[in-house]
Amino acid sequence: MKLLVLGGSVFLSRAVAAEAVARGHDVTCANRGTSGRVPDGAAPAVWDRADPVPAGLAGTPYDVVVDVARRPSWVRAAVAAWPEAHHVFVSTVSVYADESTPGGRPGTLPLREPLHEDVDLGADPEAYGPMKVGCEEAVRAGAASWTVVRPGLIVGPGDPTGRFTYWPARLGDAGPGEEVLAPGRPEDRTQVIDVRDLAAWLVAAAQARTTSDFDGVGEVLALSEVLAHVAAGCGADVRPTWVPQEFLTEQGVQPWAGPDSLPLWLPRPEYDGMCAHDPTPSYAAGLALRPLEETARDTLAWLRATPDATRTGLSRDREAALLAAWHARG
């Protein structure tokens, strides 16, 4: 199979390229050439997607195009350049307008109104989901065949966001029996998916030319279970102290991501559904997941080997101050 990965040097698109090479496919990675190396065995091609498709690239027929873009104009250009290829488009669960209802799946939740114009997310971050809806529509309208996959939180080695790495880093460095601040309620539900599992499934979908919409999500677990799996994978023996979201909000702690945040924490109940999508249709379509302990272990190993890896979340001093303030309340 002749496969074009639009990207190929960072996280998911790189994992897709590596998986396709490992399966013996002829892989080209097209990107600006500024974000790192493509996997060994893949051919690099330089293309800034703000520019027209280079003639040499546009003139090459591909069986499959894998695209992770969020700008509708970029997706339209890729579909127009290779309309006969099977397009695997990586969207997001942020396309859903309803983020409060658990158990959703494609076809059961309303989508956001599509945006077909490119919007600067620095000026309007709320445009992300609507632009992805617009990208999906461009793929369905122009490609001979297509797979649309909407991942939730993608985690694992190479994660450039820091939205999960906080926990392997925090628990992996904890001493025996150390107290760790855990956000919200132990029973709050969440889900993550290892980048390598998602990549393997995307390549398999490309090989089969699977045509449908899917949520690329992992098992729905209680947050207490997730932290227990992370602790087990990192060889940690910790003592979580669960602190209610009302106190965290009062103290100015941010949810989800950022320098003063607690990753995996989302405000409830308004985000009860964001990380609780029904994964069974994706399992039926071939998605297979490794144990979360393995993901945590490998993420911690990658962090220790990569000093400049993105790290986000509370500092140790900030965490200690929050725990002291919580305990002082009696």
Foldseek 3Di string as FASTA:
>chain_A
DFEEEAAQAAFQSLLLQVLCVVVPYAYEYEEQPPRGDGDPRYHYHYDDLVDQDDPVVLPDAGQEYEYADLFLVSLLRVCVSHQAHEYEYEFALLQFPAQQDFAAWPPRTDGDAADNHGDDCVVPVNNRNNSSVSSVVSCVVRHPAYEYEHEAAEAFFRDQFQLPLQLLVVQLPDDAAAEFEDEADQQQKAWYAYSNLLSNLSVVCSVVSDHDYTYRIGAIGGNNVLSVLLNVLSVGHYHYDYDHPVLCVVVVEDDRWAARHDRPDDDPSRRSHRGRYNHVVVVVSPRDGDRSSNRSNRRSVSCVVDVPRDHHHRDPVRRVVSVVVVVVVD
